[in-house]
Amino acid sequence: MTAFARRLAQFAAVTLGLGFLLLTDLLPLTALAMGRQYHEVADAAAAYAVAAGLAAACGAAAMVAALRLITLAAAGRGTSPVARRWIALAGTLISAGLLLLVAVTGHLLVLKSLGGPGIVLLFLAGAAGLAATVSVTVWRRRPHGSAPPPQAGSPWYRPRIPR
């Protein structure tokens, strides 16, 4: 990783982290204001506000994990056990934030019977992101070599040449 790429990645992670910290304050206030404005969701506004704050906090913490991973990769320890723990933490935090998003939008759609195309798309995007994050996390935990090697005659077969 070049010094420029490392600095650029660090800047992006810090900027996104600060954005998530700002969202940690703004999302609960917006949820409470929407709850006061629309009587259909007034009873759940406090729960939505807490969920929004927790989801934004998960995003901010995931950016801290990303910043730590960038630092480890720049030091040449991107595949160390410490880096793997940070990757697992980031995956868990992202999954938790997406789960909160899916829970709130699902509650709006199913139990409250509210929402339009925006809520449906937000629900679908959150569900797709959650499925992708969980599947990558599960795939990462497989032991190396669990897939059988390609056989001779397969288009992916490359004979191993000893050095």
Protein backbone atom coordinates (compact mmCIF):
# COMPACT_ATOMS: atom_id res chain seq x y z
CA MET A 1 0.00 0.00 0.00
CA THR A 2 1.48 3.31 -1.04
CA ALA A 3 1.63 6.21 1.38
CA PHE A 4 -0.87 8.19 -0.72
CA ALA A 5 -3.35 5.30 -0.82
CA ARG A 6 -3.01 4.81 2.94
CA ARG A 7 -3.59 8.50 3.65
CA LEU A 8 -6.55 8.58 1.30
CA ALA A 9 -8.11 5.51 2.93
CA GLN A 10 -7.51 6.97 6.40
CA PHE A 11 -9.12 10.26 5.35
CA ALA A 12 -12.14 8.40 3.96
CA ALA A 13 -12.52 6.29 7.11
CA VAL A 14 -12.23 9.31 9.42
CA THR A 15 -14.68 11.33 7.31
CA LEU A 16 -17.21 8.50 7.26
CA GLY A 17 -16.75 7.96 10.99
CA LEU A 18 -17.42 11.63 11.71
CA GLY A 19 -20.47 11.45 9.46
CA PHE A 20 -21.77 8.49 11.44
CA LEU A 21 -21.15 10.37 14.69
CA LEU A 22 -23.17 13.27 13.32
CA LEU A 23 -25.92 10.83 12.34
CA THR A 24 -25.85 9.45 15.88
CA ASP A 25 -27.18 12.82 17.00
CA LEU A 26 -29.40 13.71 14.04
CA LEU A 27 -31.22 10.43 13.39
CA PRO A 28 -32.85 10.11 16.84
CA LEU A 29 -33.95 13.75 16.71
CA THR A 30 -35.45 13.21 13.26
CA ALA A 31 -37.23 10.06 14.42
CA LEU A 32 -38.74 11.88 17.38
CA ALA A 33 -39.83 14.81 15.19
CA MET A 34 -41.45 12.43 12.69
CA GLY A 35 -43.20 10.67 15.56
CA ARG A 36 -44.72 13.94 16.72
CA GLN A 37 -45.73 14.85 13.17
CA TYR A 38 -47.40 11.55 12.24
CA HIS A 39 -49.77 10.12 14.82
CA GLU A 40 -49.58 6.63 13.22
CA VAL A 41 -46.04 6.13 14.53
CA ALA A 42 -46.19 8.30 17.65
CA ASP A 43 -46.22 5.29 19.96
CA ALA A 44 -43.06 3.83 18.40
CA ALA A 45 -41.11 7.07 17.88
CA ALA A 46 -38.91 6.58 20.95
CA ALA A 47 -38.04 3.03 19.94
CA TYR A 48 -37.25 4.20 16.39
CA ALA A 49 -35.05 6.95 17.81
CA VAL A 50 -33.08 4.49 19.95
CA ALA A 51 -32.71 2.09 17.02
CA ALA A 52 -31.51 4.90 14.74
CA GLY A 53 -28.95 6.05 17.30
CA LEU A 54 -27.67 2.50 17.81
CA ALA A 55 -27.43 1.87 14.06
CA ALA A 56 -25.43 5.06 13.54
CA ALA A 57 -23.19 4.18 16.50
CA CYS A 58 -22.57 0.75 14.92
CA GLY A 59 -21.54 2.51 11.71
CA ALA A 60 -19.17 4.83 13.57
CA ALA A 61 -17.58 1.91 15.43
CA ALA A 62 -17.23 0.00 12.15
CA MET A 63 -15.31 2.97 10.73
CA VAL A 64 -12.96 2.82 13.72
CA ALA A 65 -12.39 -0.85 12.92
CA ALA A 66 -11.77 0.06 9.26
CA LEU A 67 -9.23 2.68 10.30
CA ARG A 68 -7.44 0.11 12.45
CA LEU A 69 -7.43 -2.34 9.53
CA ILE A 70 -5.93 0.31 7.24
CA THR A 71 -3.19 0.90 9.79
CA LEU A 72 -2.50 -2.83 10.09
CA ALA A 73 -2.42 -3.24 6.30
CA ALA A 74 0.02 -0.34 5.96
CA ALA A 75 2.29 -2.03 8.52
CA GLY A 76 2.18 -5.26 6.51
CA ARG A 77 0.06 -7.13 9.05
CA GLY A 78 -3.17 -7.23 7.04
CA THR A 79 -3.52 -11.01 7.41
CA SER A 80 -2.47 -11.34 11.03
CA PRO A 81 -4.79 -12.78 13.71
CA VAL A 82 -5.25 -9.26 15.10
CA ALA A 83 -6.47 -8.05 11.71
CA ARG A 84 -8.85 -10.99 11.49
CA ARG A 85 -10.36 -10.03 14.84
CA TRP A 86 -10.85 -6.45 13.63
CA ILE A 87 -12.47 -7.78 10.44
CA ALA A 88 -14.83 -9.91 12.52
CA LEU A 89 -15.68 -6.91 14.70
CA ALA A 90 -16.38 -4.72 11.67
CA GLY A 91 -18.60 -7.43 10.14
CA THR A 92 -20.50 -7.83 13.39
CA LEU A 93 -21.05 -4.08 13.74
CA ILE A 94 -22.19 -3.69 10.14
CA SER A 95 -24.54 -6.66 10.55
CA ALA A 96 -25.99 -5.19 13.76
CA GLY A 97 -26.62 -1.81 12.11
CA LEU A 98 -28.27 -3.41 9.10
CA LEU A 99 -30.35 -5.66 11.35
CA LEU A 100 -31.68 -2.59 13.15
CA LEU A 101 -32.52 -0.99 9.80
CA VAL A 102 -34.36 -4.10 8.63
CA ALA A 103 -36.19 -4.39 11.96
CA VAL A 104 -37.45 -0.80 11.92
CA THR A 105 -38.50 -0.81 8.27
CA GLY A 106 -40.04 -4.26 8.65
CA HIS A 107 -42.02 -3.03 11.65
CA LEU A 108 -43.27 -0.09 9.62
CA LEU A 109 -44.23 -2.25 6.66
CA VAL A 110 -45.67 -5.33 8.35
CA LEU A 111 -47.04 -4.36 11.75
CA LYS A 112 -47.94 -0.72 11.11
CA SER A 113 -48.90 -1.20 7.43
CA LEU A 114 -47.22 2.10 6.60
CA GLY A 115 -44.59 3.21 4.14
CA GLY A 116 -44.27 3.69 0.46
CA PRO A 117 -41.70 2.80 -2.16
CA GLY A 118 -38.91 4.47 -0.20
CA ILE A 119 -39.47 2.32 2.89
CA VAL A 120 -39.79 -0.82 0.75
CA LEU A 121 -36.53 -0.04 -1.05
CA LEU A 122 -34.80 0.74 2.24
CA PHE A 123 -36.02 -2.57 3.64
CA LEU A 124 -34.83 -4.48 0.57
CA ALA A 125 -31.45 -2.72 0.55
CA GLY A 126 -30.96 -3.42 4.25
CA ALA A 127 -31.96 -7.06 3.83
CA ALA A 128 -29.63 -7.50 0.85
CA GLY A 129 -26.76 -5.83 2.71
CA LEU A 130 -27.40 -7.97 5.78
CA ALA A 131 -27.48 -11.15 3.70
CA ALA A 132 -24.25 -10.17 1.95
CA THR A 133 -22.48 -9.29 5.19
CA VAL A 134 -23.55 -12.47 6.93
CA SER A 135 -22.66 -14.66 3.95
CA VAL A 136 -19.19 -13.09 3.66
CA THR A 137 -18.67 -13.54 7.39
CA VAL A 138 -19.72 -17.18 7.20
CA TRP A 139 -17.60 -17.75 4.09
CA ARG A 140 -14.58 -16.21 5.84
CA ARG A 141 -14.88 -18.69 8.70
CA ARG A 142 -14.59 -21.74 6.43
CA PRO A 143 -11.27 -23.51 6.75
CA HIS A 144 -8.93 -22.93 3.84
CA GLY A 145 -9.04 -25.68 1.31
CA SER A 146 -12.62 -26.71 2.04
CA ALA A 147 -13.48 -26.55 -1.66
CA PRO A 148 -12.09 -29.42 -3.69
CA PRO A 149 -9.27 -28.45 -6.05
CA PRO A 150 -10.01 -28.34 -9.78
CA GLN A 151 -9.44 -31.62 -11.57
CA ALA A 152 -7.37 -32.16 -14.70
CA GLY A 153 -9.47 -31.33 -17.75
CA SER A 154 -11.32 -28.53 -15.95
CA PRO A 155 -10.93 -25.03 -17.45
CA TRP A 156 -9.72 -23.81 -14.03
CA TYR A 157 -7.06 -26.49 -13.66
CA ARG A 158 -3.50 -25.17 -13.49
CA PRO A 159 -0.77 -27.72 -12.85
CA ARG A 160 1.32 -26.84 -9.83
CA ILE A 161 4.90 -26.16 -10.79
CA PRO A 162 7.42 -26.70 -7.99
CA ARG A 163 9.86 -23.85 -7.43
